[in-house]
Amino acid sequence: MMDLATIDKLLTTTRTVRKRLDLTRAVPRDVIEQCLEIAIQAPTGGNIPRYHFVVVTDAAKRAALATLYKRAYLEVYSP
């Protein structure tokens, strides 16, 4: 188990985080919560936070959301 200092260092110093991800391993809920706590410390324009987080742990629901996001992306950015 990683402590908060390790997670904080990883998230704030690594530019290529995606290359280091192990997508076959589940992420413990407390690690997700720690990541979100770090994320909300980021500055926002006008110091007005406008973010919302949705954590989806069910694989089927994640796949369905991925399909929706991909369709929306292609509608906006398709050539």
C-alpha atoms as a PDB file:
ATOM      1  CA  MET A   1       0.000   0.000   0.000  1.00  0.00           C
ATOM      2  CA  MET A   2       1.346   3.414  -0.950  1.00  0.00           C
ATOM      3  CA  ASP A   3       1.224   6.252   1.506  1.00  0.00           C
ATOM      4  CA  LEU A   4      -0.157   9.701   0.661  1.00  0.00           C
ATOM      5  CA  ALA A   5       3.311  11.223   0.187  1.00  0.00           C
ATOM      6  CA  THR A   6       4.221   8.575  -2.412  1.00  0.00           C
ATOM      7  CA  ILE A   7       0.954   9.024  -4.296  1.00  0.00           C
ATOM      8  CA  ASP A   8       1.315  12.810  -4.175  1.00  0.00           C
ATOM      9  CA  LYS A   9       4.866  12.627  -5.553  1.00  0.00           C
ATOM     10  CA  LEU A  10       3.807  10.229  -8.322  1.00  0.00           C
ATOM     11  CA  LEU A  11       0.864  12.356  -9.443  1.00  0.00           C
ATOM     12  CA  THR A  12       2.673  15.665  -9.271  1.00  0.00           C
ATOM     13  CA  THR A  13       6.053  14.748 -10.797  1.00  0.00           C
ATOM     14  CA  THR A  14       5.445  12.140 -13.489  1.00  0.00           C
ATOM     15  CA  ARG A  15       4.574  13.449 -16.939  1.00  0.00           C
ATOM     16  CA  THR A  16       4.070  10.013 -18.486  1.00  0.00           C
ATOM     17  CA  VAL A  17       1.774   8.470 -15.899  1.00  0.00           C
ATOM     18  CA  ARG A  18      -0.258   6.542 -18.498  1.00  0.00           C
ATOM     19  CA  LYS A  19       2.780   4.546 -19.577  1.00  0.00           C
ATOM     20  CA  ARG A  20       3.143   3.269 -16.013  1.00  0.00           C
ATOM     21  CA  LEU A  21      -0.438   2.207 -15.433  1.00  0.00           C
ATOM     22  CA  ASP A  22      -1.338  -1.426 -14.899  1.00  0.00           C
ATOM     23  CA  LEU A  23      -4.877  -1.516 -16.296  1.00  0.00           C
ATOM     24  CA  THR A  24      -5.342  -5.143 -15.254  1.00  0.00           C
ATOM     25  CA  ARG A  25      -5.144  -4.329 -11.537  1.00  0.00           C
ATOM     26  CA  ALA A  26      -7.995  -2.862  -9.503  1.00  0.00           C
ATOM     27  CA  VAL A  27      -7.276   0.409  -7.719  1.00  0.00           C
ATOM     28  CA  PRO A  28      -8.196   0.416  -4.026  1.00  0.00           C
ATOM     29  CA  ARG A  29     -10.914   2.910  -3.087  1.00  0.00           C
ATOM     30  CA  ASP A  30      -8.671   4.737  -0.612  1.00  0.00           C
ATOM     31  CA  VAL A  31      -6.076   5.340  -3.349  1.00  0.00           C
ATOM     32  CA  ILE A  32      -8.784   6.779  -5.626  1.00  0.00           C
ATOM     33  CA  GLU A  33      -9.938   9.048  -2.811  1.00  0.00           C
ATOM     34  CA  GLN A  34      -6.369  10.218  -2.170  1.00  0.00           C
ATOM     35  CA  CYS A  35      -5.923  10.961  -5.886  1.00  0.00           C
ATOM     36  CA  LEU A  36      -9.097  13.040  -5.916  1.00  0.00           C
ATOM     37  CA  GLU A  37      -7.983  14.927  -2.803  1.00  0.00           C
ATOM     38  CA  ILE A  38      -4.774  15.844  -4.640  1.00  0.00           C
ATOM     39  CA  ALA A  39      -6.679  16.739  -7.821  1.00  0.00           C
ATOM     40  CA  ILE A  40      -8.901  19.287  -6.093  1.00  0.00           C
ATOM     41  CA  GLN A  41      -5.813  21.179  -4.963  1.00  0.00           C
ATOM     42  CA  ALA A  42      -5.081  22.231  -8.552  1.00  0.00           C
ATOM     43  CA  PRO A  43      -5.658  25.909  -9.289  1.00  0.00           C
ATOM     44  CA  THR A  44      -8.805  26.932 -11.139  1.00  0.00           C
ATOM     45  CA  GLY A  45      -9.607  30.014 -13.180  1.00  0.00           C
ATOM     46  CA  GLY A  46     -10.943  32.693 -10.864  1.00  0.00           C
ATOM     47  CA  ASN A  47     -10.405  30.278  -7.968  1.00  0.00           C
ATOM     48  CA  ILE A  48     -13.861  28.851  -8.717  1.00  0.00           C
ATOM     49  CA  PRO A  49     -13.771  25.052  -8.876  1.00  0.00           C
ATOM     50  CA  ARG A  50     -16.046  23.660 -11.576  1.00  0.00           C
ATOM     51  CA  TYR A  51     -15.074  20.019 -11.486  1.00  0.00           C
ATOM     52  CA  HIS A  52     -17.141  16.936 -10.823  1.00  0.00           C
ATOM     53  CA  PHE A  53     -15.840  13.428 -10.372  1.00  0.00           C
ATOM     54  CA  VAL A  54     -17.662  10.180 -11.007  1.00  0.00           C
ATOM     55  CA  VAL A  55     -15.914   7.001  -9.910  1.00  0.00           C
ATOM     56  CA  VAL A  56     -17.190   3.938 -11.747  1.00  0.00           C
ATOM     57  CA  THR A  57     -15.886   0.603 -10.505  1.00  0.00           C
ATOM     58  CA  ASP A  58     -18.163  -1.722 -12.480  1.00  0.00           C
ATOM     59  CA  ALA A  59     -16.402  -2.871 -15.674  1.00  0.00           C
ATOM     60  CA  ALA A  60     -19.593  -3.113 -17.747  1.00  0.00           C
ATOM     61  CA  LYS A  61     -20.660   0.395 -16.771  1.00  0.00           C
ATOM     62  CA  ARG A  62     -17.173   1.734 -17.584  1.00  0.00           C
ATOM     63  CA  ALA A  63     -17.344   0.108 -21.017  1.00  0.00           C
ATOM     64  CA  ALA A  64     -20.776   1.625 -21.667  1.00  0.00           C
ATOM     65  CA  LEU A  65     -19.534   5.061 -20.600  1.00  0.00           C
ATOM     66  CA  ALA A  66     -16.474   4.684 -22.822  1.00  0.00           C
ATOM     67  CA  THR A  67     -18.754   4.005 -25.793  1.00  0.00           C
ATOM     68  CA  LEU A  68     -20.802   7.127 -25.034  1.00  0.00           C
ATOM     69  CA  TYR A  69     -17.722   9.311 -24.607  1.00  0.00           C
ATOM     70  CA  LYS A  70     -16.190   8.005 -27.829  1.00  0.00           C
ATOM     71  CA  ARG A  71     -19.397   8.688 -29.766  1.00  0.00           C
ATOM     72  CA  ALA A  72     -19.623  12.222 -28.350  1.00  0.00           C
ATOM     73  CA  TYR A  73     -15.955  12.854 -29.123  1.00  0.00           C
ATOM     74  CA  LEU A  74     -16.344  11.683 -32.719  1.00  0.00           C
ATOM     75  CA  GLU A  75     -19.402  13.865 -33.227  1.00  0.00           C
ATOM     76  CA  VAL A  76     -17.440  16.944 -32.154  1.00  0.00           C
ATOM     77  CA  TYR A  77     -13.968  16.211 -33.547  1.00  0.00           C
ATOM     78  CA  SER A  78     -14.577  13.969 -36.529  1.00  0.00           C
ATOM     79  CA  PRO A  79     -13.052  15.287 -39.787  1.00  0.00           C
END
